[in-house]
């Protein structure tokens, strides 16, 4: 688990992330994104 980071780089991304979620995009945890990329790679082959 990553936890909350007190880093300007990560804190500056929060408003953009919230805007994308408000527009209907789903937030994926890093593990979920990795799993989806593996599935897509298998489908492309």
N, C-alpha and C. Protein backbone atom coordinates (compact mmCIF):
# COMPACT_ATOMS: atom_id res chain seq x y z
N UNK A 1 0.84 -1.18 0.00
CA UNK A 1 0.00 0.00 0.00
C UNK A 1 0.88 1.24 0.00
N UNK A 2 0.47 2.26 -0.71
CA UNK A 2 1.29 3.43 -0.89
C UNK A 2 1.09 4.50 0.18
N UNK A 3 -0.12 4.68 0.67
CA UNK A 3 -0.36 5.70 1.68
C UNK A 3 -0.34 7.11 1.09
N UNK A 4 -0.56 8.09 1.94
CA UNK A 4 -0.59 9.48 1.52
C UNK A 4 0.82 10.03 1.46
N UNK A 5 1.13 10.73 0.38
CA UNK A 5 2.47 11.28 0.19
C UNK A 5 2.44 12.79 0.34
N UNK A 6 3.29 13.33 1.19
CA UNK A 6 3.40 14.77 1.36
C UNK A 6 4.47 15.29 0.40
N UNK A 7 4.16 15.20 -0.87
CA UNK A 7 5.10 15.58 -1.91
C UNK A 7 4.35 16.47 -2.89
N UNK A 8 4.94 17.59 -3.24
CA UNK A 8 4.25 18.54 -4.12
C UNK A 8 3.86 17.91 -5.45
N UNK A 9 4.70 17.03 -5.96
CA UNK A 9 4.39 16.37 -7.24
C UNK A 9 3.07 15.62 -7.15
N UNK A 10 2.86 14.87 -6.08
CA UNK A 10 1.64 14.08 -5.93
C UNK A 10 0.46 14.95 -5.53
N UNK A 11 0.70 15.93 -4.66
CA UNK A 11 -0.38 16.81 -4.23
C UNK A 11 -0.93 17.64 -5.38
N UNK A 12 -0.09 18.01 -6.32
CA UNK A 12 -0.54 18.82 -7.45
C UNK A 12 -1.40 18.02 -8.42
N UNK A 13 -1.35 16.70 -8.35
CA UNK A 13 -2.13 15.86 -9.26
C UNK A 13 -3.55 15.60 -8.74
N UNK A 14 -3.79 15.87 -7.47
CA UNK A 14 -5.09 15.58 -6.87
C UNK A 14 -6.22 16.35 -7.55
N UNK A 15 -6.09 17.67 -7.80
CA UNK A 15 -7.21 18.38 -8.47
C UNK A 15 -7.53 17.81 -9.85
N UNK A 16 -6.51 17.45 -10.61
CA UNK A 16 -6.75 16.88 -11.94
C UNK A 16 -7.43 15.52 -11.82
N UNK A 17 -7.01 14.72 -10.86
CA UNK A 17 -7.62 13.41 -10.65
C UNK A 17 -9.09 13.55 -10.26
N UNK A 18 -9.39 14.49 -9.38
CA UNK A 18 -10.78 14.72 -8.98
C UNK A 18 -11.62 15.18 -10.16
N UNK A 19 -11.07 16.02 -11.00
CA UNK A 19 -11.80 16.49 -12.18
C UNK A 19 -12.11 15.33 -13.13
N UNK A 20 -11.15 14.46 -13.35
CA UNK A 20 -11.39 13.30 -14.22
C UNK A 20 -12.45 12.38 -13.64
N UNK A 21 -12.42 12.16 -12.33
CA UNK A 21 -13.44 11.32 -11.69
C UNK A 21 -14.82 11.97 -11.84
N UNK A 22 -14.88 13.30 -11.67
CA UNK A 22 -16.16 14.01 -11.85
C UNK A 22 -16.67 13.93 -13.27
N UNK A 23 -15.78 13.78 -14.24
CA UNK A 23 -16.17 13.64 -15.64
C UNK A 23 -16.60 12.23 -15.99
N UNK A 24 -16.49 11.30 -15.03
CA UNK A 24 -16.97 9.94 -15.27
C UNK A 24 -15.89 8.89 -15.42
N UNK A 25 -14.63 9.28 -15.35
CA UNK A 25 -13.55 8.31 -15.43
C UNK A 25 -13.44 7.55 -14.10
N UNK A 26 -13.01 6.31 -14.16
CA UNK A 26 -12.81 5.50 -12.96
C UNK A 26 -11.36 5.56 -12.54
N UNK A 27 -11.15 5.71 -11.24
CA UNK A 27 -9.80 5.70 -10.69
C UNK A 27 -9.37 4.25 -10.51
N UNK A 28 -8.21 3.90 -11.04
CA UNK A 28 -7.66 2.57 -10.87
C UNK A 28 -6.46 2.64 -9.95
N UNK A 29 -6.41 1.74 -9.01
CA UNK A 29 -5.21 1.61 -8.18
C UNK A 29 -4.09 1.08 -9.08
N UNK A 30 -2.83 1.32 -8.72
CA UNK A 30 -1.73 0.85 -9.56
C UNK A 30 -1.82 -0.65 -9.88
N UNK A 31 -2.24 -1.45 -8.90
CA UNK A 31 -2.34 -2.90 -9.13
C UNK A 31 -3.40 -3.21 -10.18
N UNK A 32 -4.52 -2.47 -10.13
CA UNK A 32 -5.58 -2.69 -11.10
C UNK A 32 -5.12 -2.31 -12.50
N UNK A 33 -4.42 -1.21 -12.61
CA UNK A 33 -3.92 -0.77 -13.92
C UNK A 33 -2.94 -1.79 -14.48
N UNK A 34 -2.07 -2.31 -13.64
CA UNK A 34 -1.10 -3.32 -14.08
C UNK A 34 -1.81 -4.57 -14.56
N UNK A 35 -2.81 -5.03 -13.81
CA UNK A 35 -3.56 -6.23 -14.20
C UNK A 35 -4.27 -6.02 -15.53
N UNK A 36 -4.85 -4.84 -15.71
CA UNK A 36 -5.54 -4.56 -16.98
C UNK A 36 -4.56 -4.52 -18.14
N UNK A 37 -3.37 -3.98 -17.91
CA UNK A 37 -2.39 -3.93 -19.00
C UNK A 37 -1.94 -5.34 -19.37
N UNK A 38 -1.84 -6.24 -18.40
CA UNK A 38 -1.49 -7.62 -18.71
C UNK A 38 -2.57 -8.29 -19.54
N UNK A 39 -3.81 -8.06 -19.18
CA UNK A 39 -4.94 -8.64 -19.92
C UNK A 39 -4.95 -8.11 -21.36
N UNK A 40 -4.77 -6.80 -21.52
CA UNK A 40 -4.75 -6.22 -22.86
C UNK A 40 -3.60 -6.77 -23.68
N UNK A 41 -2.46 -6.96 -23.07
CA UNK A 41 -1.30 -7.50 -23.79
C UNK A 41 -1.61 -8.91 -24.29
N UNK A 42 -2.29 -9.70 -23.47
CA UNK A 42 -2.65 -11.06 -23.90
C UNK A 42 -3.66 -11.04 -25.03
N UNK A 43 -4.59 -10.10 -24.99
CA UNK A 43 -5.61 -10.02 -26.04
C UNK A 43 -5.03 -9.58 -27.37
N UNK A 44 -4.00 -8.76 -27.33
CA UNK A 44 -3.40 -8.25 -28.57
C UNK A 44 -2.63 -9.34 -29.29
N UNK A 45 -2.07 -10.27 -28.55
CA UNK A 45 -1.26 -11.33 -29.17
C UNK A 45 -2.07 -12.26 -30.02
